[in-house]
Amino acid sequence: MAASVFAMSCRGGDAGSDHNRDGSDVGGTLIVAMPADVATLLPPYASTTQEKMAADILFDRLAQPGDSLNTIGDHGFIPQLAERWEWLHDSLAIAFHLNPRAKWHDGVPVRASDVEFT
């Protein structure tokens, strides 16, 4: 059975208060209809398609595979929350540099400890 997902966002609230300092729109309502309930929104615990879809709407990844779906090496990835990354000298770890413009919904900057927690 094919599941259909319908997403629609609509703007709500007072027009004068739904703007960032730079004038861009924020806020509003996102309605997503799914054929089943979502039990968790935490990405590590998402086990169903619906939970994965909901987590993808709510959370940014550090990077994601590009259109080529090439995951060998770094060239196939597109930065998202991470502005850039570099392999450490031992090639056993990667240092991610977060986009300095990344902020939570309340305007608080995203920190490395936030990413580490999730």
PDB file of N, CA and C in Angstrom:
ATOM      1  N   MET A   1       0.844  -1.169   0.000  1.00  0.00           N
ATOM      2  CA  MET A   1       0.000   0.000   0.000  1.00  0.00           C
ATOM      3  C   MET A   1       0.896   1.241   0.000  1.00  0.00           C
ATOM      4  N   ALA A   2       0.649   2.088  -0.933  1.00  0.00           N
ATOM      5  CA  ALA A   2       1.462   3.299  -1.035  1.00  0.00           C
ATOM      6  C   ALA A   2       0.974   4.334  -0.025  1.00  0.00           C
ATOM      7  N   ALA A   3       1.910   4.874   0.724  1.00  0.00           N
ATOM      8  CA  ALA A   3       1.577   5.909   1.705  1.00  0.00           C
ATOM      9  C   ALA A   3       1.787   7.270   1.067  1.00  0.00           C
ATOM     10  N   SER A   4       0.848   8.131   1.287  1.00  0.00           N
ATOM     11  CA  SER A   4       1.018   9.477   0.752  1.00  0.00           C
ATOM     12  C   SER A   4       1.230  10.453   1.891  1.00  0.00           C
ATOM     13  N   VAL A   5       2.115  11.357   1.655  1.00  0.00           N
ATOM     14  CA  VAL A   5       2.416  12.364   2.662  1.00  0.00           C
ATOM     15  C   VAL A   5       2.055  13.718   2.080  1.00  0.00           C
ATOM     16  N   PHE A   6       1.309  14.462   2.839  1.00  0.00           N
ATOM     17  CA  PHE A   6       0.882  15.775   2.377  1.00  0.00           C
ATOM     18  C   PHE A   6       1.354  16.806   3.389  1.00  0.00           C
ATOM     19  N   ALA A   7       2.200  17.697   2.940  1.00  0.00           N
ATOM     20  CA  ALA A   7       2.699  18.736   3.845  1.00  0.00           C
ATOM     21  C   ALA A   7       2.236  20.092   3.342  1.00  0.00           C
ATOM     22  N   MET A   8       1.767  20.878   4.261  1.00  0.00           N
ATOM     23  CA  MET A   8       1.316  22.213   3.899  1.00  0.00           C
ATOM     24  C   MET A   8       1.712  23.150   5.025  1.00  0.00           C
ATOM     25  N   SER A   9       2.313  24.234   4.677  1.00  0.00           N
ATOM     26  CA  SER A   9       2.627  25.185   5.735  1.00  0.00           C
ATOM     27  C   SER A   9       1.819  26.438   5.493  1.00  0.00           C
ATOM     28  N   CYS A  10       1.423  27.034   6.575  1.00  0.00           N
ATOM     29  CA  CYS A  10       0.667  28.269   6.457  1.00  0.00           C
ATOM     30  C   CYS A  10       1.169  29.229   7.514  1.00  0.00           C
ATOM     31  N   ARG A  11       1.139  30.464   7.190  1.00  0.00           N
ATOM     32  CA  ARG A  11       1.638  31.497   8.064  1.00  0.00           C
ATOM     33  C   ARG A  11       0.555  31.900   9.031  1.00  0.00           C
ATOM     34  N   GLY A  12       0.945  32.072  10.294  1.00  0.00           N
ATOM     35  CA  GLY A  12      -0.033  32.473  11.297  1.00  0.00           C
ATOM     36  C   GLY A  12       0.523  33.549  12.195  1.00  0.00           C
ATOM     37  N   GLY A  13      -0.332  34.114  13.011  1.00  0.00           N
ATOM     38  CA  GLY A  13       0.116  35.125  13.970  1.00  0.00           C
ATOM     39  C   GLY A  13       0.116  36.516  13.378  1.00  0.00           C
ATOM     40  N   ASP A  14       0.606  37.446  14.161  1.00  0.00           N
ATOM     41  CA  ASP A  14       0.683  38.842  13.765  1.00  0.00           C
ATOM     42  C   ASP A  14       1.826  39.043  12.782  1.00  0.00           C
ATOM     43  N   ALA A  15       1.538  39.649  11.636  1.00  0.00           N
ATOM     44  CA  ALA A  15       2.550  39.822  10.590  1.00  0.00           C
ATOM     45  C   ALA A  15       3.741  40.628  11.072  1.00  0.00           C
ATOM     46  N   GLY A  16       3.531  41.549  11.990  1.00  0.00           N
ATOM     47  CA  GLY A  16       4.628  42.377  12.466  1.00  0.00           C
ATOM     48  C   GLY A  16       5.587  41.651  13.396  1.00  0.00           C
ATOM     49  N   SER A  17       5.156  40.545  13.993  1.00  0.00           N
ATOM     50  CA  SER A  17       6.010  39.871  14.958  1.00  0.00           C
ATOM     51  C   SER A  17       6.651  38.603  14.412  1.00  0.00           C
ATOM     52  N   ASP A  18       6.356  38.218  13.181  1.00  0.00           N
ATOM     53  CA  ASP A  18       6.864  36.980  12.612  1.00  0.00           C
ATOM     54  C   ASP A  18       8.053  37.215  11.690  1.00  0.00           C
ATOM     55  N   HIS A  19       8.984  38.055  12.116  1.00  0.00           N
ATOM     56  CA  HIS A  19      10.150  38.356  11.297  1.00  0.00           C
ATOM     57  C   HIS A  19      11.418  38.299  12.132  1.00  0.00           C
ATOM     58  N   ASN A  20      12.506  37.832  11.504  1.00  0.00           N
ATOM     59  CA  ASN A  20      13.825  37.910  12.132  1.00  0.00           C
ATOM     60  C   ASN A  20      14.303  39.344  12.070  1.00  0.00           C
ATOM     61  N   ARG A  21      15.439  39.602  12.703  1.00  0.00           N
ATOM     62  CA  ARG A  21      16.022  40.945  12.648  1.00  0.00           C
ATOM     63  C   ARG A  21      16.346  41.358  11.219  1.00  0.00           C
ATOM     64  N   ASP A  22      16.656  40.370  10.357  1.00  0.00           N
ATOM     65  CA  ASP A  22      16.986  40.697   8.972  1.00  0.00           C
ATOM     66  C   ASP A  22      15.745  40.828   8.093  1.00  0.00           C
ATOM     67  N   GLY A  23      14.544  40.686   8.688  1.00  0.00           N
ATOM     68  CA  GLY A  23      13.310  40.858   7.938  1.00  0.00           C
ATOM     69  C   GLY A  23      12.742  39.574   7.359  1.00  0.00           C
ATOM     70  N   SER A  24      13.462  38.442   7.482  1.00  0.00           N
ATOM     71  CA  SER A  24      12.957  37.192   6.921  1.00  0.00           C
ATOM     72  C   SER A  24      11.852  36.627   7.818  1.00  0.00           C
ATOM     73  N   ASP A  25      10.933  35.910   7.210  1.00  0.00           N
ATOM     74  CA  ASP A  25       9.799  35.352   7.939  1.00  0.00           C
ATOM     75  C   ASP A  25      10.209  34.180   8.820  1.00  0.00           C
ATOM     76  N   VAL A  26       9.597  34.078   9.983  1.00  0.00           N
ATOM     77  CA  VAL A  26       9.756  32.938  10.883  1.00  0.00           C
ATOM     78  C   VAL A  26       8.390  32.597  11.454  1.00  0.00           C
ATOM     79  N   GLY A  27       8.299  31.428  12.046  1.00  0.00           N
ATOM     80  CA  GLY A  27       7.059  31.056  12.707  1.00  0.00           C
ATOM     81  C   GLY A  27       6.055  30.466  11.740  1.00  0.00           C
ATOM     82  N   GLY A  28       4.843  30.339  12.196  1.00  0.00           N
ATOM     83  CA  GLY A  28       3.790  29.761  11.386  1.00  0.00           C
ATOM     84  C   GLY A  28       3.490  28.351  11.830  1.00  0.00           C
ATOM     85  N   THR A  29       2.769  27.642  11.007  1.00  0.00           N
ATOM     86  CA  THR A  29       2.329  26.297  11.327  1.00  0.00           C
ATOM     87  C   THR A  29       2.663  25.367  10.179  1.00  0.00           C
ATOM     88  N   LEU A  30       3.146  24.183  10.505  1.00  0.00           N
ATOM     89  CA  LEU A  30       3.404  23.145   9.517  1.00  0.00           C
ATOM     90  C   LEU A  30       2.506  21.974   9.848  1.00  0.00           C
ATOM     91  N   ILE A  31       1.704  21.555   8.895  1.00  0.00           N
ATOM     92  CA  ILE A  31       0.815  20.425   9.082  1.00  0.00           C
ATOM     93  C   ILE A  31       1.292  19.295   8.188  1.00  0.00           C
ATOM     94  N   VAL A  32       1.564  18.127   8.781  1.00  0.00           N
ATOM     95  CA  VAL A  32       2.004  16.961   8.022  1.00  0.00           C
ATOM     96  C   VAL A  32       1.044  15.823   8.329  1.00  0.00           C
ATOM     97  N   ALA A  33       0.377  15.322   7.297  1.00  0.00           N
ATOM     98  CA  ALA A  33      -0.541  14.191   7.471  1.00  0.00           C
ATOM     99  C   ALA A  33       0.205  12.910   7.148  1.00  0.00           C
ATOM    100  N   MET A  34       0.155  11.940   8.051  1.00  0.00           N
ATOM    101  CA  MET A  34       0.831  10.663   7.853  1.00  0.00           C
ATOM    102  C   MET A  34      -0.156   9.540   8.116  1.00  0.00           C
ATOM    103  N   PRO A  35       0.080   8.377   7.517  1.00  0.00           N
ATOM    104  CA  PRO A  35      -0.853   7.266   7.688  1.00  0.00           C
ATOM    105  C   PRO A  35      -0.727   6.542   9.036  1.00  0.00           C
ATOM    106  N   ALA A  36       0.189   6.983   9.898  1.00  0.00           N
ATOM    107  CA  ALA A  36       0.361   6.345  11.209  1.00  0.00           C
ATOM    108  C   ALA A  36       0.873   7.366  12.204  1.00  0.00           C
ATOM    109  N   ASP A  37       0.703   7.072  13.492  1.00  0.00           N
ATOM    110  CA  ASP A  37       1.195   7.949  14.550  1.00  0.00           C
ATOM    111  C   ASP A  37       2.716   7.879  14.649  1.00  0.00           C
ATOM    112  N   VAL A  38       3.295   8.952  15.160  1.00  0.00           N
ATOM    113  CA  VAL A  38       4.734   9.016  15.397  1.00  0.00           C
ATOM    114  C   VAL A  38       4.961   8.830  16.891  1.00  0.00           C
ATOM    115  N   ALA A  39       5.760   7.820  17.246  1.00  0.00           N
ATOM    116  CA  ALA A  39       5.996   7.516  18.661  1.00  0.00           C
ATOM    117  C   ALA A  39       7.152   8.320  19.240  1.00  0.00           C
ATOM    118  N   THR A  40       8.139   8.695  18.412  1.00  0.00           N
ATOM    119  CA  THR A  40       9.284   9.463  18.889  1.00  0.00           C
ATOM    120  C   THR A  40       9.725  10.450  17.822  1.00  0.00           C
ATOM    121  N   LEU A  41      10.305  11.554  18.260  1.00  0.00           N
ATOM    122  CA  LEU A  41      10.868  12.541  17.340  1.00  0.00           C
ATOM    123  C   LEU A  41      12.382  12.568  17.410  1.00  0.00           C
ATOM    124  N   LEU A  42      12.970  11.720  18.239  1.00  0.00           N
ATOM    125  CA  LEU A  42      14.423  11.686  18.395  1.00  0.00           C
ATOM    126  C   LEU A  42      15.041  10.815  17.302  1.00  0.00           C
ATOM    127  N   PRO A  43      15.872  11.401  16.431  1.00  0.00           N
ATOM    128  CA  PRO A  43      16.425  10.657  15.289  1.00  0.00           C
ATOM    129  C   PRO A  43      17.087   9.322  15.630  1.00  0.00           C
ATOM    130  N   PRO A  44      17.855   9.202  16.719  1.00  0.00           N
ATOM    131  CA  PRO A  44      18.482   7.900  16.980  1.00  0.00           C
ATOM    132  C   PRO A  44      17.474   6.787  17.282  1.00  0.00           C
ATOM    133  N   TYR A  45      16.287   7.148  17.723  1.00  0.00           N
ATOM    134  CA  TYR A  45      15.281   6.159  18.090  1.00  0.00           C
ATOM    135  C   TYR A  45      14.200   5.977  17.032  1.00  0.00           C
ATOM    136  N   ALA A  46      14.288   6.701  15.927  1.00  0.00           N
ATOM    137  CA  ALA A  46      13.289   6.582  14.863  1.00  0.00           C
ATOM    138  C   ALA A  46      13.408   5.209  14.213  1.00  0.00           C
ATOM    139  N   SER A  47      12.330   4.437  14.274  1.00  0.00           N
ATOM    140  CA  SER A  47      12.371   3.091  13.707  1.00  0.00           C
ATOM    141  C   SER A  47      11.347   2.886  12.592  1.00  0.00           C
ATOM    142  N   THR A  48      10.413   3.806  12.431  1.00  0.00           N
ATOM    143  CA  THR A  48       9.427   3.688  11.364  1.00  0.00           C
ATOM    144  C   THR A  48       9.655   4.781  10.321  1.00  0.00           C
ATOM    145  N   THR A  49       9.073   4.588   9.174  1.00  0.00           N
ATOM    146  CA  THR A  49       9.187   5.590   8.105  1.00  0.00           C
ATOM    147  C   THR A  49       8.613   6.923   8.559  1.00  0.00           C
ATOM    148  N   GLN A  50       7.488   6.888   9.258  1.00  0.00           N
ATOM    149  CA  GLN A  50       6.850   8.126   9.713  1.00  0.00           C
ATOM    150  C   GLN A  50       7.730   8.866  10.715  1.00  0.00           C
ATOM    151  N   GLU A  51       8.360   8.147  11.640  1.00  0.00           N
ATOM    152  CA  GLU A  51       9.256   8.785  12.609  1.00  0.00           C
ATOM    153  C   GLU A  51      10.460   9.397  11.909  1.00  0.00           C
ATOM    154  N   LYS A  52      11.008   8.710  10.924  1.00  0.00           N
ATOM    155  CA  LYS A  52      12.158   9.224  10.162  1.00  0.00           C
ATOM    156  C   LYS A  52      11.766  10.485   9.407  1.00  0.00           C
ATOM    157  N   MET A  53      10.587  10.476   8.780  1.00  0.00           N
ATOM    158  CA  MET A  53      10.136  11.655   8.027  1.00  0.00           C
ATOM    159  C   MET A  53       9.938  12.852   8.948  1.00  0.00           C
ATOM    160  N   ALA A  54       9.353  12.624  10.130  1.00  0.00           N
ATOM    161  CA  ALA A  54       9.137  13.718  11.084  1.00  0.00           C
ATOM    162  C   ALA A  54      10.470  14.264  11.582  1.00  0.00           C
ATOM    163  N   ALA A  55      11.418  13.392  11.895  1.00  0.00           N
ATOM    164  CA  ALA A  55      12.733  13.836  12.369  1.00  0.00           C
ATOM    165  C   ALA A  55      13.460  14.629  11.281  1.00  0.00           C
ATOM    166  N   ASP A  56      13.314  14.217  10.025  1.00  0.00           N
ATOM    167  CA  ASP A  56      13.965  14.937   8.921  1.00  0.00           C
ATOM    168  C   ASP A  56      13.419  16.355   8.769  1.00  0.00           C
ATOM    169  N   ILE A  57      12.156  16.556   9.109  1.00  0.00           N
ATOM    170  CA  ILE A  57      11.567  17.894   9.037  1.00  0.00           C
ATOM    171  C   ILE A  57      12.089  18.771  10.177  1.00  0.00           C
ATOM    172  N   LEU A  58      12.306  18.170  11.335  1.00  0.00           N
ATOM    173  CA  LEU A  58      12.664  18.938  12.533  1.00  0.00           C
ATOM    174  C   LEU A  58      14.148  19.199  12.713  1.00  0.00           C
ATOM    175  N   PHE A  59      15.003  18.282  12.257  1.00  0.00           N
ATOM    176  CA  PHE A  59      16.425  18.369  12.553  1.00  0.00           C
ATOM    177  C   PHE A  59      17.271  18.452  11.288  1.00  0.00           C
ATOM    178  N   ASP A  60      18.309  19.283  11.329  1.00  0.00           N
ATOM    179  CA  ASP A  60      19.293  19.352  10.246  1.00  0.00           C
ATOM    180  C   ASP A  60      20.398  18.342  10.503  1.00  0.00           C
ATOM    181  N   ARG A  61      20.947  17.810   9.438  1.00  0.00           N
ATOM    182  CA  ARG A  61      22.116  16.936   9.534  1.00  0.00           C
ATOM    183  C   ARG A  61      23.366  17.792   9.394  1.00  0.00           C
ATOM    184  N   LEU A  62      24.497  17.251   9.813  1.00  0.00           N
ATOM    185  CA  LEU A  62      25.760  17.958   9.590  1.00  0.00           C
ATOM    186  C   LEU A  62      26.017  18.088   8.099  1.00  0.00           C
ATOM    187  N   ALA A  63      25.798  17.017   7.354  1.00  0.00           N
ATOM    188  CA  ALA A  63      25.937  17.003   5.895  1.00  0.00           C
ATOM    189  C   ALA A  63      25.068  15.867   5.382  1.00  0.00           C
ATOM    190  N   GLN A  64      24.765  15.902   4.105  1.00  0.00           N
ATOM    191  CA  GLN A  64      23.983  14.818   3.519  1.00  0.00           C
ATOM    192  C   GLN A  64      24.526  14.474   2.149  1.00  0.00           C
ATOM    193  N   PRO A  65      24.300  13.236   1.699  1.00  0.00           N
ATOM    194  CA  PRO A  65      24.774  12.868   0.356  1.00  0.00           C
ATOM    195  C   PRO A  65      24.112  13.747  -0.699  1.00  0.00           C
ATOM    196  N   GLY A  66      24.881  14.103  -1.707  1.00  0.00           N
ATOM    197  CA  GLY A  66      24.365  14.917  -2.797  1.00  0.00           C
ATOM    198  C   GLY A  66      23.554  14.090  -3.776  1.00  0.00           C
ATOM    199  N   ASP A  67      23.212  14.685  -4.917  1.00  0.00           N
ATOM    200  CA  ASP A  67      22.395  14.028  -5.924  1.00  0.00           C
ATOM    201  C   ASP A  67      23.037  12.764  -6.484  1.00  0.00           C
ATOM    202  N   SER A  68      24.359  12.710  -6.500  1.00  0.00           N
ATOM    203  CA  SER A  68      25.048  11.536  -7.036  1.00  0.00           C
ATOM    204  C   SER A  68      24.981  10.348  -6.083  1.00  0.00           C
ATOM    205  N   LEU A  69      24.616  10.600  -4.822  1.00  0.00           N
ATOM    206  CA  LEU A  69      24.571   9.577  -3.774  1.00  0.00           C
ATOM    207  C   LEU A  69      25.924   8.912  -3.549  1.00  0.00           C
ATOM    208  N   ASN A  70      26.988   9.597  -3.916  1.00  0.00           N
ATOM    209  CA  ASN A  70      28.349   9.093  -3.723  1.00  0.00           C
ATOM    210  C   ASN A  70      28.763   9.368  -2.278  1.00  0.00           C
ATOM    211  N   THR A  71      28.974   8.300  -1.520  1.00  0.00           N
ATOM    212  CA  THR A  71      29.389   8.445  -0.126  1.00  0.00           C
ATOM    213  C   THR A  71      30.830   8.002   0.090  1.00  0.00           C
ATOM    214  N   ILE A  72      31.555   7.822  -0.994  1.00  0.00           N
ATOM    215  CA  ILE A  72      32.975   7.476  -0.893  1.00  0.00           C
ATOM    216  C   ILE A  72      33.763   8.782  -0.929  1.00  0.00           C
ATOM    217  N   GLY A  73      34.484   9.061   0.139  1.00  0.00           N
ATOM    218  CA  GLY A  73      35.199  10.332   0.239  1.00  0.00           C
ATOM    219  C   GLY A  73      34.248  11.448   0.654  1.00  0.00           C
ATOM    220  N   ASP A  74      34.739  12.674   0.607  1.00  0.00           N
ATOM    221  CA  ASP A  74      33.953  13.828   1.059  1.00  0.00           C
ATOM    222  C   ASP A  74      33.246  14.576  -0.054  1.00  0.00           C
ATOM    223  N   HIS A  75      33.649  14.368  -1.291  1.00  0.00           N
ATOM    224  CA  HIS A  75      33.160  15.206  -2.390  1.00  0.00           C
ATOM    225  C   HIS A  75      31.688  15.010  -2.709  1.00  0.00           C
ATOM    226  N   GLY A  76      31.100  13.879  -2.320  1.00  0.00           N
ATOM    227  CA  GLY A  76      29.697  13.632  -2.623  1.00  0.00           C
ATOM    228  C   GLY A  76      28.731  14.208  -1.613  1.00  0.00           C
ATOM    229  N   PHE A  77      29.246  14.833  -0.553  1.00  0.00           N
ATOM    230  CA  PHE A  77      28.385  15.347   0.513  1.00  0.00           C
ATOM    231  C   PHE A  77      28.137  16.837   0.367  1.00  0.00           C
ATOM    232  N   ILE A  78      26.948  17.252   0.775  1.00  0.00           N
ATOM    233  CA  ILE A  78      26.555  18.661   0.751  1.00  0.00           C
ATOM    234  C   ILE A  78      26.468  19.141   2.201  1.00  0.00           C
ATOM    235  N   PRO A  79      27.154  20.227   2.551  1.00  0.00           N
ATOM    236  CA  PRO A  79      27.077  20.746   3.921  1.00  0.00           C
ATOM    237  C   PRO A  79      25.655  21.185   4.270  1.00  0.00           C
ATOM    238  N   GLN A  80      25.255  20.950   5.494  1.00  0.00           N
ATOM    239  CA  GLN A  80      23.994  21.477   6.008  1.00  0.00           C
ATOM    240  C   GLN A  80      24.296  22.273   7.269  1.00  0.00           C
ATOM    241  N   LEU A  81      24.218  21.640   8.429  1.00  0.00           N
ATOM    242  CA  LEU A  81      24.542  22.335   9.676  1.00  0.00           C
ATOM    243  C   LEU A  81      26.046  22.611   9.762  1.00  0.00           C
ATOM    244  N   ALA A  82      26.840  21.692   9.234  1.00  0.00           N
ATOM    245  CA  ALA A  82      28.298  21.895   9.193  1.00  0.00           C
ATOM    246  C   ALA A  82      28.634  22.754   7.984  1.00  0.00           C
ATOM    247  N   GLU A  83      29.413  23.769   8.213  1.00  0.00           N
ATOM    248  CA  GLU A  83      29.866  24.630   7.114  1.00  0.00           C
ATOM    249  C   GLU A  83      30.972  23.939   6.326  1.00  0.00           C
ATOM    250  N   ARG A  84      31.817  23.212   7.058  1.00  0.00           N
ATOM    251  CA  ARG A  84      32.915  22.463   6.453  1.00  0.00           C
ATOM    252  C   ARG A  84      33.400  21.452   7.474  1.00  0.00           C
ATOM    253  N   TRP A  85      34.247  20.549   7.026  1.00  0.00           N
ATOM    254  CA  TRP A  85      34.818  19.541   7.923  1.00  0.00           C
ATOM    255  C   TRP A  85      36.184  19.147   7.418  1.00  0.00           C
ATOM    256  N   GLU A  86      36.965  18.599   8.319  1.00  0.00           N
ATOM    257  CA  GLU A  86      38.316  18.151   7.956  1.00  0.00           C
ATOM    258  C   GLU A  86      38.663  16.912   8.759  1.00  0.00           C
ATOM    259  N   TRP A  87      39.366  16.023   8.116  1.00  0.00           N
ATOM    260  CA  TRP A  87      39.831  14.815   8.784  1.00  0.00           C
ATOM    261  C   TRP A  87      41.010  15.173   9.676  1.00  0.00           C
ATOM    262  N   LEU A  88      41.044  14.616  10.871  1.00  0.00           N
ATOM    263  CA  LEU A  88      42.172  14.847  11.753  1.00  0.00           C
ATOM    264  C   LEU A  88      43.362  14.023  11.278  1.00  0.00           C
ATOM    265  N   HIS A  89      44.555  14.336  11.763  1.00  0.00           N
ATOM    266  CA  HIS A  89      45.794  13.750  11.253  1.00  0.00           C
ATOM    267  C   HIS A  89      45.823  12.229  11.293  1.00  0.00           C
ATOM    268  N   ASP A  90      45.115  11.619  12.249  1.00  0.00           N
ATOM    269  CA  ASP A  90      45.122  10.157  12.346  1.00  0.00           C
ATOM    270  C   ASP A  90      44.066   9.493  11.452  1.00  0.00           C
ATOM    271  N   SER A  91      43.249  10.301  10.770  1.00  0.00           N
ATOM    272  CA  SER A  91      42.170   9.822   9.895  1.00  0.00           C
ATOM    273  C   SER A  91      41.136   8.978  10.633  1.00  0.00           C
ATOM    274  N   LEU A  92      41.092   9.078  11.938  1.00  0.00           N
ATOM    275  CA  LEU A  92      40.119   8.326  12.713  1.00  0.00           C
ATOM    276  C   LEU A  92      38.973   9.209  13.217  1.00  0.00           C
ATOM    277  N   ALA A  93      39.095  10.503  13.006  1.00  0.00           N
ATOM    278  CA  ALA A  93      38.069  11.428  13.473  1.00  0.00           C
ATOM    279  C   ALA A  93      37.936  12.580  12.481  1.00  0.00           C
ATOM    280  N   ILE A  94      36.780  13.208  12.512  1.00  0.00           N
ATOM    281  CA  ILE A  94      36.500  14.350  11.642  1.00  0.00           C
ATOM    282  C   ILE A  94      36.146  15.543  12.517  1.00  0.00           C
ATOM    283  N   ALA A  95      36.721  16.693  12.227  1.00  0.00           N
ATOM    284  CA  ALA A  95      36.377  17.933  12.930  1.00  0.00           C
ATOM    285  C   ALA A  95      35.365  18.691  12.064  1.00  0.00           C
ATOM    286  N   PHE A  96      34.157  18.855  12.582  1.00  0.00           N
ATOM    287  CA  PHE A  96      33.115  19.595  11.880  1.00  0.00           C
ATOM    288  C   PHE A  96      33.120  21.040  12.356  1.00  0.00           C
ATOM    289  N   HIS A  97      33.023  21.970  11.436  1.00  0.00           N
ATOM    290  CA  HIS A  97      32.934  23.397  11.745  1.00  0.00           C
ATOM    291  C   HIS A  97      31.500  23.822  11.438  1.00  0.00           C
ATOM    292  N   LEU A  98      30.761  24.167  12.490  1.00  0.00           N
ATOM    293  CA  LEU A  98      29.353  24.515  12.329  1.00  0.00           C
ATOM    294  C   LEU A  98      29.181  25.859  11.644  1.00  0.00           C
ATOM    295  N   ASN A  99      28.104  25.967  10.898  1.00  0.00           N
ATOM    296  CA  ASN A  99      27.756  27.227  10.264  1.00  0.00           C
ATOM    297  C   ASN A  99      27.480  28.241  11.376  1.00  0.00           C
ATOM    298  N   PRO A 100      28.195  29.357  11.411  1.00  0.00           N
ATOM    299  CA  PRO A 100      28.006  30.323  12.504  1.00  0.00           C
ATOM    300  C   PRO A 100      26.624  30.979  12.489  1.00  0.00           C
ATOM    301  N   ARG A 101      25.901  30.882  11.387  1.00  0.00           N
ATOM    302  CA  ARG A 101      24.544  31.454  11.312  1.00  0.00           C
ATOM    303  C   ARG A 101      23.479  30.492  11.833  1.00  0.00           C
ATOM    304  N   ALA A 102      23.851  29.248  12.177  1.00  0.00           N
ATOM    305  CA  ALA A 102      22.886  28.258  12.654  1.00  0.00           C
ATOM    306  C   ALA A 102      22.356  28.661  14.022  1.00  0.00           C
ATOM    307  N   LYS A 103      21.034  28.714  14.125  1.00  0.00           N
ATOM    308  CA  LYS A 103      20.387  29.113  15.373  1.00  0.00           C
ATOM    309  C   LYS A 103      19.192  28.196  15.633  1.00  0.00           C
ATOM    310  N   TRP A 104      18.844  28.061  16.902  1.00  0.00           N
ATOM    311  CA  TRP A 104      17.632  27.368  17.291  1.00  0.00           C
ATOM    312  C   TRP A 104      16.437  28.261  16.980  1.00  0.00           C
ATOM    313  N   HIS A 105      15.244  27.739  17.100  1.00  0.00           N
ATOM    314  CA  HIS A 105      14.029  28.497  16.788  1.00  0.00           C
ATOM    315  C   HIS A 105      13.881  29.760  17.636  1.00  0.00           C
ATOM    316  N   ASP A 106      14.524  29.793  18.809  1.00  0.00           N
ATOM    317  CA  ASP A 106      14.422  30.969  19.676  1.00  0.00           C
ATOM    318  C   ASP A 106      15.581  31.952  19.489  1.00  0.00           C
ATOM    319  N   GLY A 107      16.428  31.694  18.486  1.00  0.00           N
ATOM    320  CA  GLY A 107      17.521  32.612  18.173  1.00  0.00           C
ATOM    321  C   GLY A 107      18.839  32.301  18.857  1.00  0.00           C
ATOM    322  N   VAL A 108      18.873  31.309  19.729  1.00  0.00           N
ATOM    323  CA  VAL A 108      20.110  30.926  20.415  1.00  0.00           C
ATOM    324  C   VAL A 108      21.012  30.183  19.438  1.00  0.00           C
ATOM    325  N   PRO A 109      22.297  30.541  19.354  1.00  0.00           N
ATOM    326  CA  PRO A 109      23.199  29.858  18.420  1.00  0.00           C
ATOM    327  C   PRO A 109      23.342  28.369  18.728  1.00  0.00           C
ATOM    328  N   VAL A 110      23.466  27.569  17.684  1.00  0.00           N
ATOM    329  CA  VAL A 110      23.717  26.136  17.835  1.00  0.00           C
ATOM    330  C   VAL A 110      25.185  25.967  18.187  1.00  0.00           C
ATOM    331  N   ARG A 111      25.447  25.158  19.215  1.00  0.00           N
ATOM    332  CA  ARG A 111      26.818  24.932  19.661  1.00  0.00           C
ATOM    333  C   ARG A 111      27.226  23.489  19.398  1.00  0.00           C
ATOM    334  N   ALA A 112      28.504  23.244  19.449  1.00  0.00           N
ATOM    335  CA  ALA A 112      29.019  21.881  19.248  1.00  0.00           C
ATOM    336  C   ALA A 112      28.442  20.936  20.288  1.00  0.00           C
ATOM    337  N   SER A 113      28.246  21.405  21.512  1.00  0.00           N
ATOM    338  CA  SER A 113      27.697  20.537  22.562  1.00  0.00           C
ATOM    339  C   SER A 113      26.252  20.131  22.241  1.00  0.00           C
ATOM    340  N   ASP A 114      25.519  20.972  21.528  1.00  0.00           N
ATOM    341  CA  ASP A 114      24.157  20.614  21.103  1.00  0.00           C
ATOM    342  C   ASP A 114      24.211  19.443  20.121  1.00  0.00           C
ATOM    343  N   VAL A 115      25.132  19.522  19.180  1.00  0.00           N
ATOM    344  CA  VAL A 115      25.283  18.455  18.191  1.00  0.00           C
ATOM    345  C   VAL A 115      25.761  17.182  18.865  1.00  0.00           C
ATOM    346  N   GLU A 116      26.707  17.311  19.785  1.00  0.00           N
ATOM    347  CA  GLU A 116      27.225  16.139  20.489  1.00  0.00           C
ATOM    348  C   GLU A 116      26.113  15.457  21.286  1.00  0.00           C
ATOM    349  N   PHE A 117      25.241  16.233  21.893  1.00  0.00           N
ATOM    350  CA  PHE A 117      24.137  15.672  22.687  1.00  0.00           C
ATOM    351  C   PHE A 117      23.199  14.837  21.822  1.00  0.00           C
ATOM    352  N   THR A 118      22.943  15.312  20.616  1.00  0.00           N
ATOM    353  CA  THR A 118      22.018  14.578  19.751  1.00  0.00           C
ATOM    354  C   THR A 118      22.695  13.457  19.023  1.00  0.00           C
TER     355      THR A 118
END
